[in-house]
């Protein structure tokens, strides 16, 4: 009988010890943990090649608030077509769409920390840049991310959305320009009927899925930036410079964030530097120009962040040059009605 009490006493003591250790070692609440921690940033920068730093979008923001921004995803790929990629294209060691198509680069947007709109911003900017790349007059017109937030009922506005749902909306209805419906980081009070009257719209012909690093690179090389999603680790929120490589000990958010891949490169340096030869993506974010490298980051390839696995290539319609069409119409005595029809289909 004494042995019976001893055994149960030991088990009880062990249970108390385990509960105490759980209480002592439990992680701080996300609602109480700030994104920007100067002490943690300083310690990181002393030991890791890529650097962290403060930024405006996450100033005074907790991890709980930041988590609400990670709400973008692809829907099922089962019904989506695989892109036909030109496999004859030789992939260079490095490439930057900003250099090849310098007149077709939009500034980094700031989605603000109150709206999970990365899907809307990434898509609207990528389409605008691809229209510019594909148009002969190289005219860059920023399209409205706000329309996707306020008018696309298949997604959830600032609470997030599926990329292919948003692309279907644009294929069917088009997208107005930014001056017609400016971005306001609000999908609750900003309604669809607040856009301008009789807007000009940008359309897409379709989209397809790119699988794997080489297909993604070849498509960027030929057609321009692509839309991608990535898992986000906590340390990426304070990325400042260098080639980002996640740490095994760092927690990640459960959702995804959408970004635009514009190119790739390889780290250079002396033979003794451990990261020499490390391949990376060049990615444009939507967290403002004071985040990262003027709104961009370089992210190591091969980290299973989703950037390497999938991306969307968007087939755009080149902008119709109405002035050239009208001039030609005068020469060939085409009717005014024909020109008006073209304006309506633009």
C-alpha atoms as a PDB file:
ATOM      1  CA  UNK A   1       0.000   0.000   0.000  1.00  0.00           C
ATOM      2  CA  UNK A   2       2.849   2.383   0.813  1.00  0.00           C
ATOM      3  CA  UNK A   3       4.412   1.665  -2.572  1.00  0.00           C
ATOM      4  CA  UNK A   4       1.075   2.493  -4.214  1.00  0.00           C
ATOM      5  CA  UNK A   5       1.040   5.956  -2.619  1.00  0.00           C
ATOM      6  CA  UNK A   6       4.683   6.537  -3.514  1.00  0.00           C
ATOM      7  CA  UNK A   7       4.044   5.768  -7.188  1.00  0.00           C
ATOM      8  CA  UNK A   8       1.036   8.065  -7.395  1.00  0.00           C
ATOM      9  CA  UNK A   9       2.928  10.738  -5.483  1.00  0.00           C
ATOM     10  CA  UNK A  10       5.753  10.622  -7.996  1.00  0.00           C
ATOM     11  CA  UNK A  11       3.319  10.759 -10.919  1.00  0.00           C
ATOM     12  CA  UNK A  12       1.589  13.762  -9.366  1.00  0.00           C
ATOM     13  CA  UNK A  13       4.892  15.558  -8.848  1.00  0.00           C
ATOM     14  CA  UNK A  14       5.881  14.838 -12.439  1.00  0.00           C
ATOM     15  CA  UNK A  15       2.577  16.254 -13.725  1.00  0.00           C
ATOM     16  CA  UNK A  16       3.066  19.424 -11.667  1.00  0.00           C
ATOM     17  CA  UNK A  17       6.613  19.771 -13.014  1.00  0.00           C
ATOM     18  CA  UNK A  18       5.493  19.373 -16.638  1.00  0.00           C
ATOM     19  CA  UNK A  19       2.738  21.978 -16.210  1.00  0.00           C
ATOM     20  CA  UNK A  20       5.201  24.361 -14.602  1.00  0.00           C
ATOM     21  CA  UNK A  21       7.669  23.967 -17.460  1.00  0.00           C
ATOM     22  CA  UNK A  22       4.922  24.567 -20.021  1.00  0.00           C
ATOM     23  CA  UNK A  23       3.908  27.734 -18.193  1.00  0.00           C
ATOM     24  CA  UNK A  24       7.476  28.979 -17.873  1.00  0.00           C
ATOM     25  CA  UNK A  25       8.475  28.216 -21.470  1.00  0.00           C
ATOM     26  CA  UNK A  26       5.267  29.125 -23.265  1.00  0.00           C
ATOM     27  CA  UNK A  27       5.649  31.532 -26.157  1.00  0.00           C
ATOM     28  CA  UNK A  28       4.477  35.105 -25.707  1.00  0.00           C
ATOM     29  CA  UNK A  29       1.021  35.862 -27.062  1.00  0.00           C
ATOM     30  CA  UNK A  30       0.927  37.092 -30.658  1.00  0.00           C
ATOM     31  CA  UNK A  31      -1.203  40.016 -29.482  1.00  0.00           C
ATOM     32  CA  UNK A  32       1.602  41.144 -27.178  1.00  0.00           C
ATOM     33  CA  UNK A  33       4.637  40.472 -29.381  1.00  0.00           C
ATOM     34  CA  UNK A  34       5.731  43.433 -31.519  1.00  0.00           C
ATOM     35  CA  UNK A  35       6.968  42.841 -35.050  1.00  0.00           C
ATOM     36  CA  UNK A  36       9.781  45.349 -34.586  1.00  0.00           C
ATOM     37  CA  UNK A  37      12.020  44.489 -31.646  1.00  0.00           C
ATOM     38  CA  UNK A  38      15.230  46.547 -31.718  1.00  0.00           C
ATOM     39  CA  UNK A  39      17.100  44.166 -29.416  1.00  0.00           C
ATOM     40  CA  UNK A  40      16.205  41.125 -31.501  1.00  0.00           C
ATOM     41  CA  UNK A  41      17.100  42.951 -34.738  1.00  0.00           C
ATOM     42  CA  UNK A  42      20.499  43.989 -33.370  1.00  0.00           C
ATOM     43  CA  UNK A  43      21.275  40.433 -32.251  1.00  0.00           C
ATOM     44  CA  UNK A  44      20.246  39.050 -35.643  1.00  0.00           C
ATOM     45  CA  UNK A  45      22.423  41.514 -37.553  1.00  0.00           C
ATOM     46  CA  UNK A  46      25.490  40.479 -35.571  1.00  0.00           C
ATOM     47  CA  UNK A  47      25.220  36.839 -36.584  1.00  0.00           C
ATOM     48  CA  UNK A  48      23.415  36.599 -39.938  1.00  0.00           C
ATOM     49  CA  UNK A  49      24.652  37.852 -43.361  1.00  0.00           C
ATOM     50  CA  UNK A  50      21.335  39.375 -44.442  1.00  0.00           C
ATOM     51  CA  UNK A  51      20.176  42.334 -42.389  1.00  0.00           C
ATOM     52  CA  UNK A  52      16.985  43.305 -40.582  1.00  0.00           C
ATOM     53  CA  UNK A  53      15.700  46.785 -39.775  1.00  0.00           C
ATOM     54  CA  UNK A  54      12.603  48.756 -38.765  1.00  0.00           C
ATOM     55  CA  UNK A  55       9.996  49.837 -41.287  1.00  0.00           C
ATOM     56  CA  UNK A  56       6.867  51.979 -41.328  1.00  0.00           C
ATOM     57  CA  UNK A  57       4.258  49.360 -42.200  1.00  0.00           C
ATOM     58  CA  UNK A  58       4.954  47.293 -39.076  1.00  0.00           C
ATOM     59  CA  UNK A  59       5.764  50.173 -36.740  1.00  0.00           C
ATOM     60  CA  UNK A  60       3.826  49.560 -33.504  1.00  0.00           C
ATOM     61  CA  UNK A  61       2.227  46.427 -34.983  1.00  0.00           C
ATOM     62  CA  UNK A  62       1.973  43.073 -33.220  1.00  0.00           C
ATOM     63  CA  UNK A  63       2.406  39.656 -34.801  1.00  0.00           C
ATOM     64  CA  UNK A  64      -1.349  39.122 -34.408  1.00  0.00           C
ATOM     65  CA  UNK A  65      -2.051  42.095 -36.671  1.00  0.00           C
ATOM     66  CA  UNK A  66       0.623  41.052 -39.169  1.00  0.00           C
ATOM     67  CA  UNK A  67      -0.897  37.562 -39.326  1.00  0.00           C
ATOM     68  CA  UNK A  68      -4.111  39.031 -40.765  1.00  0.00           C
ATOM     69  CA  UNK A  69      -2.185  40.127 -43.864  1.00  0.00           C
ATOM     70  CA  UNK A  70      -1.196  36.541 -44.748  1.00  0.00           C
ATOM     71  CA  UNK A  71      -4.436  35.495 -46.377  1.00  0.00           C
ATOM     72  CA  UNK A  72      -3.756  35.002 -50.090  1.00  0.00           C
ATOM     73  CA  UNK A  73      -3.683  31.685 -51.896  1.00  0.00           C
ATOM     74  CA  UNK A  74      -4.142  29.822 -55.157  1.00  0.00           C
ATOM     75  CA  UNK A  75      -7.370  27.874 -55.451  1.00  0.00           C
ATOM     76  CA  UNK A  76      -7.114  24.324 -56.778  1.00  0.00           C
ATOM     77  CA  UNK A  77      -4.733  23.897 -59.714  1.00  0.00           C
ATOM     78  CA  UNK A  78      -6.735  20.962 -61.089  1.00  0.00           C
ATOM     79  CA  UNK A  79      -8.752  23.096 -63.510  1.00  0.00           C
ATOM     80  CA  UNK A  80      -5.940  25.452 -64.496  1.00  0.00           C
ATOM     81  CA  UNK A  81      -3.871  25.059 -67.635  1.00  0.00           C
ATOM     82  CA  UNK A  82      -0.108  24.603 -67.479  1.00  0.00           C
ATOM     83  CA  UNK A  83       1.796  27.306 -69.332  1.00  0.00           C
ATOM     84  CA  UNK A  84       3.447  26.455 -72.630  1.00  0.00           C
ATOM     85  CA  UNK A  85       6.979  27.634 -72.022  1.00  0.00           C
ATOM     86  CA  UNK A  86       9.587  28.194 -74.713  1.00  0.00           C
ATOM     87  CA  UNK A  87      12.180  25.661 -73.585  1.00  0.00           C
ATOM     88  CA  UNK A  88      14.622  26.855 -76.224  1.00  0.00           C
ATOM     89  CA  UNK A  89      15.245  30.012 -74.209  1.00  0.00           C
ATOM     90  CA  UNK A  90      18.646  29.943 -72.538  1.00  0.00           C
ATOM     91  CA  UNK A  91      18.342  31.006 -68.912  1.00  0.00           C
ATOM     92  CA  UNK A  92      21.048  33.535 -67.982  1.00  0.00           C
ATOM     93  CA  UNK A  93      22.713  33.500 -64.584  1.00  0.00           C
ATOM     94  CA  UNK A  94      20.953  36.732 -63.669  1.00  0.00           C
ATOM     95  CA  UNK A  95      18.085  38.792 -65.037  1.00  0.00           C
ATOM     96  CA  UNK A  96      16.136  41.849 -63.861  1.00  0.00           C
ATOM     97  CA  UNK A  97      12.911  42.904 -65.599  1.00  0.00           C
ATOM     98  CA  UNK A  98      13.383  46.408 -64.184  1.00  0.00           C
ATOM     99  CA  UNK A  99      16.454  46.805 -66.369  1.00  0.00           C
ATOM    100  CA  UNK A 100      15.071  45.238 -69.549  1.00  0.00           C
ATOM    101  CA  UNK A 101      11.733  47.113 -69.424  1.00  0.00           C
ATOM    102  CA  UNK A 102      12.680  50.197 -67.435  1.00  0.00           C
ATOM    103  CA  UNK A 103       9.732  52.259 -68.697  1.00  0.00           C
ATOM    104  CA  UNK A 104       7.264  49.595 -67.517  1.00  0.00           C
ATOM    105  CA  UNK A 105       8.046  49.505 -63.785  1.00  0.00           C
ATOM    106  CA  UNK A 106       5.511  50.630 -61.191  1.00  0.00           C
ATOM    107  CA  UNK A 107       6.639  51.921 -57.785  1.00  0.00           C
ATOM    108  CA  UNK A 108       6.187  49.647 -54.788  1.00  0.00           C
ATOM    109  CA  UNK A 109       2.709  49.988 -53.297  1.00  0.00           C
ATOM    110  CA  UNK A 110       1.934  50.156 -49.590  1.00  0.00           C
ATOM    111  CA  UNK A 111      -1.037  47.944 -48.824  1.00  0.00           C
ATOM    112  CA  UNK A 112      -1.058  49.273 -45.213  1.00  0.00           C
ATOM    113  CA  UNK A 113      -1.248  47.034 -42.167  1.00  0.00           C
ATOM    114  CA  UNK A 114      -5.048  47.196 -41.996  1.00  0.00           C
ATOM    115  CA  UNK A 115      -5.776  45.430 -45.302  1.00  0.00           C
ATOM    116  CA  UNK A 116      -4.783  41.993 -46.563  1.00  0.00           C
ATOM    117  CA  UNK A 117      -4.723  43.107 -50.185  1.00  0.00           C
ATOM    118  CA  UNK A 118      -1.463  41.658 -51.479  1.00  0.00           C
ATOM    119  CA  UNK A 119      -3.362  39.538 -54.019  1.00  0.00           C
ATOM    120  CA  UNK A 120      -5.148  42.587 -55.476  1.00  0.00           C
ATOM    121  CA  UNK A 121      -2.044  44.770 -55.605  1.00  0.00           C
ATOM    122  CA  UNK A 122       0.235  42.108 -57.069  1.00  0.00           C
ATOM    123  CA  UNK A 123      -2.233  41.180 -59.813  1.00  0.00           C
ATOM    124  CA  UNK A 124      -3.166  44.748 -60.782  1.00  0.00           C
ATOM    125  CA  UNK A 125       0.481  45.823 -60.956  1.00  0.00           C
ATOM    126  CA  UNK A 126       1.635  42.759 -62.884  1.00  0.00           C
ATOM    127  CA  UNK A 127      -1.115  43.200 -65.473  1.00  0.00           C
ATOM    128  CA  UNK A 128      -0.332  46.908 -65.871  1.00  0.00           C
ATOM    129  CA  UNK A 129       3.369  46.200 -66.385  1.00  0.00           C
ATOM    130  CA  UNK A 130       2.709  43.373 -68.833  1.00  0.00           C
ATOM    131  CA  UNK A 131       0.329  45.554 -70.855  1.00  0.00           C
ATOM    132  CA  UNK A 132       3.111  48.123 -71.033  1.00  0.00           C
ATOM    133  CA  UNK A 133       5.659  45.510 -72.095  1.00  0.00           C
ATOM    134  CA  UNK A 134       3.345  44.147 -74.779  1.00  0.00           C
ATOM    135  CA  UNK A 135       2.177  47.495 -76.124  1.00  0.00           C
ATOM    136  CA  UNK A 136       4.152  49.218 -78.873  1.00  0.00           C
ATOM    137  CA  UNK A 137       3.854  52.661 -77.308  1.00  0.00           C
ATOM    138  CA  UNK A 138       5.213  51.425 -73.949  1.00  0.00           C
ATOM    139  CA  UNK A 139       2.533  53.334 -72.050  1.00  0.00           C
ATOM    140  CA  UNK A 140       2.335  52.417 -68.361  1.00  0.00           C
ATOM    141  CA  UNK A 141      -1.065  52.904 -66.724  1.00  0.00           C
ATOM    142  CA  UNK A 142      -1.521  51.781 -63.130  1.00  0.00           C
ATOM    143  CA  UNK A 143      -4.661  49.679 -62.661  1.00  0.00           C
ATOM    144  CA  UNK A 144      -6.977  49.700 -59.660  1.00  0.00           C
ATOM    145  CA  UNK A 145      -6.385  47.206 -56.867  1.00  0.00           C
ATOM    146  CA  UNK A 146      -9.318  48.803 -55.066  1.00  0.00           C
ATOM    147  CA  UNK A 147     -11.765  47.503 -57.674  1.00  0.00           C
ATOM    148  CA  UNK A 148     -10.780  43.940 -56.779  1.00  0.00           C
ATOM    149  CA  UNK A 149     -11.298  44.715 -53.090  1.00  0.00           C
ATOM    150  CA  UNK A 150     -14.675  46.423 -53.503  1.00  0.00           C
ATOM    151  CA  UNK A 151     -16.226  44.745 -56.547  1.00  0.00           C
ATOM    152  CA  UNK A 152     -14.968  41.152 -56.745  1.00  0.00           C
ATOM    153  CA  UNK A 153     -17.560  39.271 -54.674  1.00  0.00           C
ATOM    154  CA  UNK A 154     -15.796  35.921 -55.140  1.00  0.00           C
ATOM    155  CA  UNK A 155     -13.070  37.096 -52.752  1.00  0.00           C
ATOM    156  CA  UNK A 156     -13.147  38.755 -49.344  1.00  0.00           C
ATOM    157  CA  UNK A 157     -11.707  42.208 -49.933  1.00  0.00           C
ATOM    158  CA  UNK A 158      -9.225  43.210 -47.248  1.00  0.00           C
ATOM    159  CA  UNK A 159      -9.693  39.841 -45.565  1.00  0.00           C
ATOM    160  CA  UNK A 160      -7.921  38.133 -48.448  1.00  0.00           C
ATOM    161  CA  UNK A 161      -8.600  36.245 -51.628  1.00  0.00           C
ATOM    162  CA  UNK A 162      -7.705  33.630 -54.210  1.00  0.00           C
ATOM    163  CA  UNK A 163      -5.519  34.765 -57.085  1.00  0.00           C
ATOM    164  CA  UNK A 164      -7.379  32.820 -59.757  1.00  0.00           C
ATOM    165  CA  UNK A 165     -10.750  34.200 -58.593  1.00  0.00           C
ATOM    166  CA  UNK A 166      -9.407  37.728 -59.007  1.00  0.00           C
ATOM    167  CA  UNK A 167      -7.980  36.877 -62.434  1.00  0.00           C
ATOM    168  CA  UNK A 168     -11.327  35.453 -63.556  1.00  0.00           C
ATOM    169  CA  UNK A 169     -12.978  38.701 -62.498  1.00  0.00           C
ATOM    170  CA  UNK A 170     -10.542  40.701 -64.640  1.00  0.00           C
ATOM    171  CA  UNK A 171     -10.879  38.368 -67.620  1.00  0.00           C
ATOM    172  CA  UNK A 172     -14.657  38.824 -67.533  1.00  0.00           C
ATOM    173  CA  UNK A 173     -14.994  42.464 -66.503  1.00  0.00           C
ATOM    174  CA  UNK A 174     -11.602  44.121 -66.879  1.00  0.00           C
ATOM    175  CA  UNK A 175     -10.006  46.520 -64.420  1.00  0.00           C
ATOM    176  CA  UNK A 176     -10.257  50.309 -64.270  1.00  0.00           C
ATOM    177  CA  UNK A 177      -7.212  52.506 -63.787  1.00  0.00           C
ATOM    178  CA  UNK A 178      -6.003  53.849 -60.451  1.00  0.00           C
ATOM    179  CA  UNK A 179      -7.226  57.416 -61.049  1.00  0.00           C
ATOM    180  CA  UNK A 180     -10.766  56.099 -61.548  1.00  0.00           C
ATOM    181  CA  UNK A 181     -10.795  54.075 -58.326  1.00  0.00           C
ATOM    182  CA  UNK A 182      -7.827  54.922 -56.039  1.00  0.00           C
ATOM    183  CA  UNK A 183      -6.543  52.476 -53.451  1.00  0.00           C
ATOM    184  CA  UNK A 184      -7.970  53.150 -49.987  1.00  0.00           C
ATOM    185  CA  UNK A 185      -7.085  49.957 -48.055  1.00  0.00           C
ATOM    186  CA  UNK A 186     -10.752  49.490 -47.167  1.00  0.00           C
ATOM    187  CA  UNK A 187     -13.330  47.055 -48.495  1.00  0.00           C
ATOM    188  CA  UNK A 188     -16.005  47.610 -45.855  1.00  0.00           C
ATOM    189  CA  UNK A 189     -17.006  51.225 -46.438  1.00  0.00           C
ATOM    190  CA  UNK A 190     -15.520  51.760 -49.933  1.00  0.00           C
ATOM    191  CA  UNK A 191     -18.152  50.367 -52.277  1.00  0.00           C
ATOM    192  CA  UNK A 192     -17.983  49.404 -55.934  1.00  0.00           C
ATOM    193  CA  UNK A 193     -20.298  52.228 -57.034  1.00  0.00           C
ATOM    194  CA  UNK A 194     -17.732  54.803 -55.878  1.00  0.00           C
ATOM    195  CA  UNK A 195     -15.541  54.393 -58.949  1.00  0.00           C
ATOM    196  CA  UNK A 196     -15.664  56.975 -61.732  1.00  0.00           C
ATOM    197  CA  UNK A 197     -18.278  56.925 -64.480  1.00  0.00           C
ATOM    198  CA  UNK A 198     -17.525  55.494 -67.955  1.00  0.00           C
ATOM    199  CA  UNK A 199     -14.055  54.187 -67.085  1.00  0.00           C
ATOM    200  CA  UNK A 200     -11.445  52.775 -69.456  1.00  0.00           C
ATOM    201  CA  UNK A 201     -10.635  49.166 -68.596  1.00  0.00           C
ATOM    202  CA  UNK A 202      -7.647  46.889 -68.964  1.00  0.00           C
ATOM    203  CA  UNK A 203      -8.413  43.254 -69.831  1.00  0.00           C
ATOM    204  CA  UNK A 204      -6.560  39.958 -69.863  1.00  0.00           C
ATOM    205  CA  UNK A 205      -6.973  37.095 -72.317  1.00  0.00           C
ATOM    206  CA  UNK A 206      -6.160  34.442 -69.755  1.00  0.00           C
ATOM    207  CA  UNK A 207      -3.603  33.005 -67.371  1.00  0.00           C
ATOM    208  CA  UNK A 208      -1.779  29.769 -66.730  1.00  0.00           C
ATOM    209  CA  UNK A 209       0.336  28.089 -64.069  1.00  0.00           C
ATOM    210  CA  UNK A 210       4.120  27.860 -64.178  1.00  0.00           C
ATOM    211  CA  UNK A 211       5.654  24.883 -62.390  1.00  0.00           C
ATOM    212  CA  UNK A 212       9.224  24.993 -61.134  1.00  0.00           C
ATOM    213  CA  UNK A 213      12.168  27.341 -61.175  1.00  0.00           C
ATOM    214  CA  UNK A 214      13.155  27.019 -64.851  1.00  0.00           C
ATOM    215  CA  UNK A 215       9.649  27.583 -66.256  1.00  0.00           C
ATOM    216  CA  UNK A 216       9.182  30.623 -64.025  1.00  0.00           C
ATOM    217  CA  UNK A 217      12.474  32.091 -65.186  1.00  0.00           C
ATOM    218  CA  UNK A 218      11.804  31.484 -68.881  1.00  0.00           C
ATOM    219  CA  UNK A 219       8.393  33.130 -68.665  1.00  0.00           C
ATOM    220  CA  UNK A 220       9.771  36.219 -66.914  1.00  0.00           C
ATOM    221  CA  UNK A 221      12.551  36.389 -69.490  1.00  0.00           C
ATOM    222  CA  UNK A 222      10.074  36.472 -72.358  1.00  0.00           C
ATOM    223  CA  UNK A 223       6.939  38.119 -70.964  1.00  0.00           C
ATOM    224  CA  UNK A 224       7.786  40.068 -67.800  1.00  0.00           C
ATOM    225  CA  UNK A 225       6.992  39.747 -64.069  1.00  0.00           C
ATOM    226  CA  UNK A 226       4.871  36.896 -62.697  1.00  0.00           C
ATOM    227  CA  UNK A 227       2.517  36.584 -59.732  1.00  0.00           C
ATOM    228  CA  UNK A 228       3.547  34.252 -56.910  1.00  0.00           C
ATOM    229  CA  UNK A 229       2.705  33.428 -53.309  1.00  0.00           C
ATOM    230  CA  UNK A 230       5.061  32.727 -50.452  1.00  0.00           C
ATOM    231  CA  UNK A 231       4.990  31.415 -46.936  1.00  0.00           C
ATOM    232  CA  UNK A 232       6.121  34.189 -44.624  1.00  0.00           C
ATOM    233  CA  UNK A 233       8.413  33.635 -41.664  1.00  0.00           C
ATOM    234  CA  UNK A 234       8.430  36.143 -38.813  1.00  0.00           C
ATOM    235  CA  UNK A 235      11.953  37.378 -39.510  1.00  0.00           C
ATOM    236  CA  UNK A 236      11.003  38.354 -43.083  1.00  0.00           C
ATOM    237  CA  UNK A 237       8.741  41.120 -41.726  1.00  0.00           C
ATOM    238  CA  UNK A 238      11.827  43.124 -40.753  1.00  0.00           C
ATOM    239  CA  UNK A 239      13.968  42.223 -43.778  1.00  0.00           C
ATOM    240  CA  UNK A 240      16.175  45.165 -44.775  1.00  0.00           C
ATOM    241  CA  UNK A 241      18.914  44.023 -47.155  1.00  0.00           C
ATOM    242  CA  UNK A 242      20.908  41.082 -48.445  1.00  0.00           C
ATOM    243  CA  UNK A 243      19.705  37.674 -49.596  1.00  0.00           C
ATOM    244  CA  UNK A 244      16.997  36.407 -47.267  1.00  0.00           C
ATOM    245  CA  UNK A 245      17.420  32.866 -45.972  1.00  0.00           C
ATOM    246  CA  UNK A 246      14.978  31.669 -43.349  1.00  0.00           C
ATOM    247  CA  UNK A 247      16.200  30.209 -40.106  1.00  0.00           C
ATOM    248  CA  UNK A 248      15.054  26.771 -38.965  1.00  0.00           C
ATOM    249  CA  UNK A 249      14.169  28.162 -35.547  1.00  0.00           C
ATOM    250  CA  UNK A 250      11.923  30.960 -36.815  1.00  0.00           C
ATOM    251  CA  UNK A 251       8.139  30.550 -36.730  1.00  0.00           C
ATOM    252  CA  UNK A 252       6.060  31.059 -39.850  1.00  0.00           C
ATOM    253  CA  UNK A 253       2.519  32.252 -40.423  1.00  0.00           C
ATOM    254  CA  UNK A 254      -0.068  29.697 -41.477  1.00  0.00           C
ATOM    255  CA  UNK A 255      -1.329  31.720 -44.477  1.00  0.00           C
ATOM    256  CA  UNK A 256       0.321  33.000 -47.643  1.00  0.00           C
ATOM    257  CA  UNK A 257       1.337  36.382 -49.029  1.00  0.00           C
ATOM    258  CA  UNK A 258       1.355  37.382 -52.700  1.00  0.00           C
ATOM    259  CA  UNK A 259       4.381  39.024 -54.333  1.00  0.00           C
ATOM    260  CA  UNK A 260       5.703  39.744 -57.808  1.00  0.00           C
ATOM    261  CA  UNK A 261       8.839  37.984 -59.057  1.00  0.00           C
ATOM    262  CA  UNK A 262      10.760  40.310 -61.386  1.00  0.00           C
ATOM    263  CA  UNK A 263      14.071  38.489 -61.780  1.00  0.00           C
ATOM    264  CA  UNK A 264      16.847  36.441 -60.240  1.00  0.00           C
ATOM    265  CA  UNK A 265      20.567  36.465 -59.566  1.00  0.00           C
ATOM    266  CA  UNK A 266      23.524  34.789 -57.871  1.00  0.00           C
ATOM    267  CA  UNK A 267      25.450  36.036 -54.863  1.00  0.00           C
ATOM    268  CA  UNK A 268      29.006  37.086 -55.621  1.00  0.00           C
ATOM    269  CA  UNK A 269      31.944  37.416 -53.268  1.00  0.00           C
ATOM    270  CA  UNK A 270      35.276  35.914 -52.381  1.00  0.00           C
ATOM    271  CA  UNK A 271      35.868  32.179 -52.399  1.00  0.00           C
ATOM    272  CA  UNK A 272      35.864  32.144 -48.600  1.00  0.00           C
ATOM    273  CA  UNK A 273      32.388  33.628 -48.274  1.00  0.00           C
ATOM    274  CA  UNK A 274      29.863  30.855 -47.452  1.00  0.00           C
ATOM    275  CA  UNK A 275      27.034  32.339 -49.573  1.00  0.00           C
ATOM    276  CA  UNK A 276      29.029  32.727 -52.786  1.00  0.00           C
ATOM    277  CA  UNK A 277      27.052  31.208 -55.654  1.00  0.00           C
ATOM    278  CA  UNK A 278      23.759  31.223 -53.749  1.00  0.00           C
ATOM    279  CA  UNK A 279      20.858  31.704 -56.214  1.00  0.00           C
ATOM    280  CA  UNK A 280      18.050  34.116 -55.360  1.00  0.00           C
ATOM    281  CA  UNK A 281      14.791  35.588 -56.643  1.00  0.00           C
ATOM    282  CA  UNK A 282      14.240  39.343 -56.953  1.00  0.00           C
ATOM    283  CA  UNK A 283      10.800  39.980 -55.498  1.00  0.00           C
ATOM    284  CA  UNK A 284       8.700  43.135 -55.287  1.00  0.00           C
ATOM    285  CA  UNK A 285       6.564  43.334 -52.160  1.00  0.00           C
ATOM    286  CA  UNK A 286       3.605  45.584 -51.270  1.00  0.00           C
ATOM    287  CA  UNK A 287       4.818  46.863 -47.903  1.00  0.00           C
ATOM    288  CA  UNK A 288       6.064  50.283 -49.012  1.00  0.00           C
ATOM    289  CA  UNK A 289       9.363  51.556 -50.367  1.00  0.00           C
ATOM    290  CA  UNK A 290      11.008  51.920 -46.938  1.00  0.00           C
ATOM    291  CA  UNK A 291      10.669  48.155 -46.399  1.00  0.00           C
ATOM    292  CA  UNK A 292      13.565  46.026 -47.632  1.00  0.00           C
ATOM    293  CA  UNK A 293      15.630  47.227 -50.580  1.00  0.00           C
ATOM    294  CA  UNK A 294      13.340  50.047 -51.725  1.00  0.00           C
ATOM    295  CA  UNK A 295      10.331  47.747 -51.522  1.00  0.00           C
ATOM    296  CA  UNK A 296      12.118  44.712 -52.982  1.00  0.00           C
ATOM    297  CA  UNK A 297      13.843  41.713 -51.470  1.00  0.00           C
ATOM    298  CA  UNK A 298      16.250  39.066 -52.666  1.00  0.00           C
ATOM    299  CA  UNK A 299      15.125  35.626 -51.505  1.00  0.00           C
ATOM    300  CA  UNK A 300      17.222  32.447 -51.651  1.00  0.00           C
ATOM    301  CA  UNK A 301      15.965  29.888 -54.143  1.00  0.00           C
ATOM    302  CA  UNK A 302      15.307  26.389 -52.817  1.00  0.00           C
ATOM    303  CA  UNK A 303      13.784  27.179 -49.428  1.00  0.00           C
ATOM    304  CA  UNK A 304      10.361  25.628 -50.091  1.00  0.00           C
ATOM    305  CA  UNK A 305       8.628  28.965 -49.608  1.00  0.00           C
ATOM    306  CA  UNK A 306       6.332  28.290 -52.611  1.00  0.00           C
ATOM    307  CA  UNK A 307       8.156  30.901 -54.720  1.00  0.00           C
ATOM    308  CA  UNK A 308      10.039  28.118 -56.490  1.00  0.00           C
ATOM    309  CA  UNK A 309       7.060  25.819 -56.966  1.00  0.00           C
ATOM    310  CA  UNK A 310       4.269  27.852 -58.590  1.00  0.00           C
ATOM    311  CA  UNK A 311       3.621  31.180 -60.279  1.00  0.00           C
ATOM    312  CA  UNK A 312       0.964  32.673 -62.542  1.00  0.00           C
ATOM    313  CA  UNK A 313       1.736  33.957 -66.013  1.00  0.00           C
ATOM    314  CA  UNK A 314      -0.911  36.424 -67.205  1.00  0.00           C
ATOM    315  CA  UNK A 315      -1.720  36.857 -70.901  1.00  0.00           C
ATOM    316  CA  UNK A 316      -2.658  40.491 -71.414  1.00  0.00           C
ATOM    317  CA  UNK A 317      -4.248  42.428 -74.235  1.00  0.00           C
ATOM    318  CA  UNK A 318      -1.941  45.122 -75.614  1.00  0.00           C
ATOM    319  CA  UNK A 319      -3.335  48.588 -75.187  1.00  0.00           C
ATOM    320  CA  UNK A 320      -5.256  49.785 -78.244  1.00  0.00           C
ATOM    321  CA  UNK A 321      -3.688  52.899 -79.738  1.00  0.00           C
ATOM    322  CA  UNK A 322      -6.864  54.805 -80.597  1.00  0.00           C
ATOM    323  CA  UNK A 323      -5.035  57.781 -82.075  1.00  0.00           C
ATOM    324  CA  UNK A 324      -3.229  55.588 -84.606  1.00  0.00           C
ATOM    325  CA  UNK A 325      -6.459  53.793 -85.448  1.00  0.00           C
ATOM    326  CA  UNK A 326      -8.286  57.077 -86.009  1.00  0.00           C
ATOM    327  CA  UNK A 327      -5.496  58.358 -88.239  1.00  0.00           C
ATOM    328  CA  UNK A 328      -5.668  55.216 -90.321  1.00  0.00           C
ATOM    329  CA  UNK A 329      -9.452  55.514 -90.420  1.00  0.00           C
ATOM    330  CA  UNK A 330      -9.195  58.978 -91.969  1.00  0.00           C
ATOM    331  CA  UNK A 331      -7.010  57.595 -94.746  1.00  0.00           C
ATOM    332  CA  UNK A 332      -9.218  54.611 -95.517  1.00  0.00           C
ATOM    333  CA  UNK A 333     -12.563  56.423 -95.057  1.00  0.00           C
ATOM    334  CA  UNK A 334     -13.695  54.101 -92.302  1.00  0.00           C
ATOM    335  CA  UNK A 335     -16.812  55.242 -90.514  1.00  0.00           C
ATOM    336  CA  UNK A 336     -16.982  57.011 -87.175  1.00  0.00           C
ATOM    337  CA  UNK A 337     -19.150  54.165 -85.928  1.00  0.00           C
ATOM    338  CA  UNK A 338     -16.244  51.723 -86.411  1.00  0.00           C
ATOM    339  CA  UNK A 339     -14.007  53.887 -84.236  1.00  0.00           C
ATOM    340  CA  UNK A 340     -16.632  54.139 -81.538  1.00  0.00           C
ATOM    341  CA  UNK A 341     -16.955  50.367 -81.527  1.00  0.00           C
ATOM    342  CA  UNK A 342     -13.222  50.073 -80.912  1.00  0.00           C
ATOM    343  CA  UNK A 343     -13.420  52.522 -78.037  1.00  0.00           C
ATOM    344  CA  UNK A 344     -16.191  50.480 -76.448  1.00  0.00           C
ATOM    345  CA  UNK A 345     -14.156  47.281 -76.643  1.00  0.00           C
ATOM    346  CA  UNK A 346     -11.036  48.854 -75.218  1.00  0.00           C
END
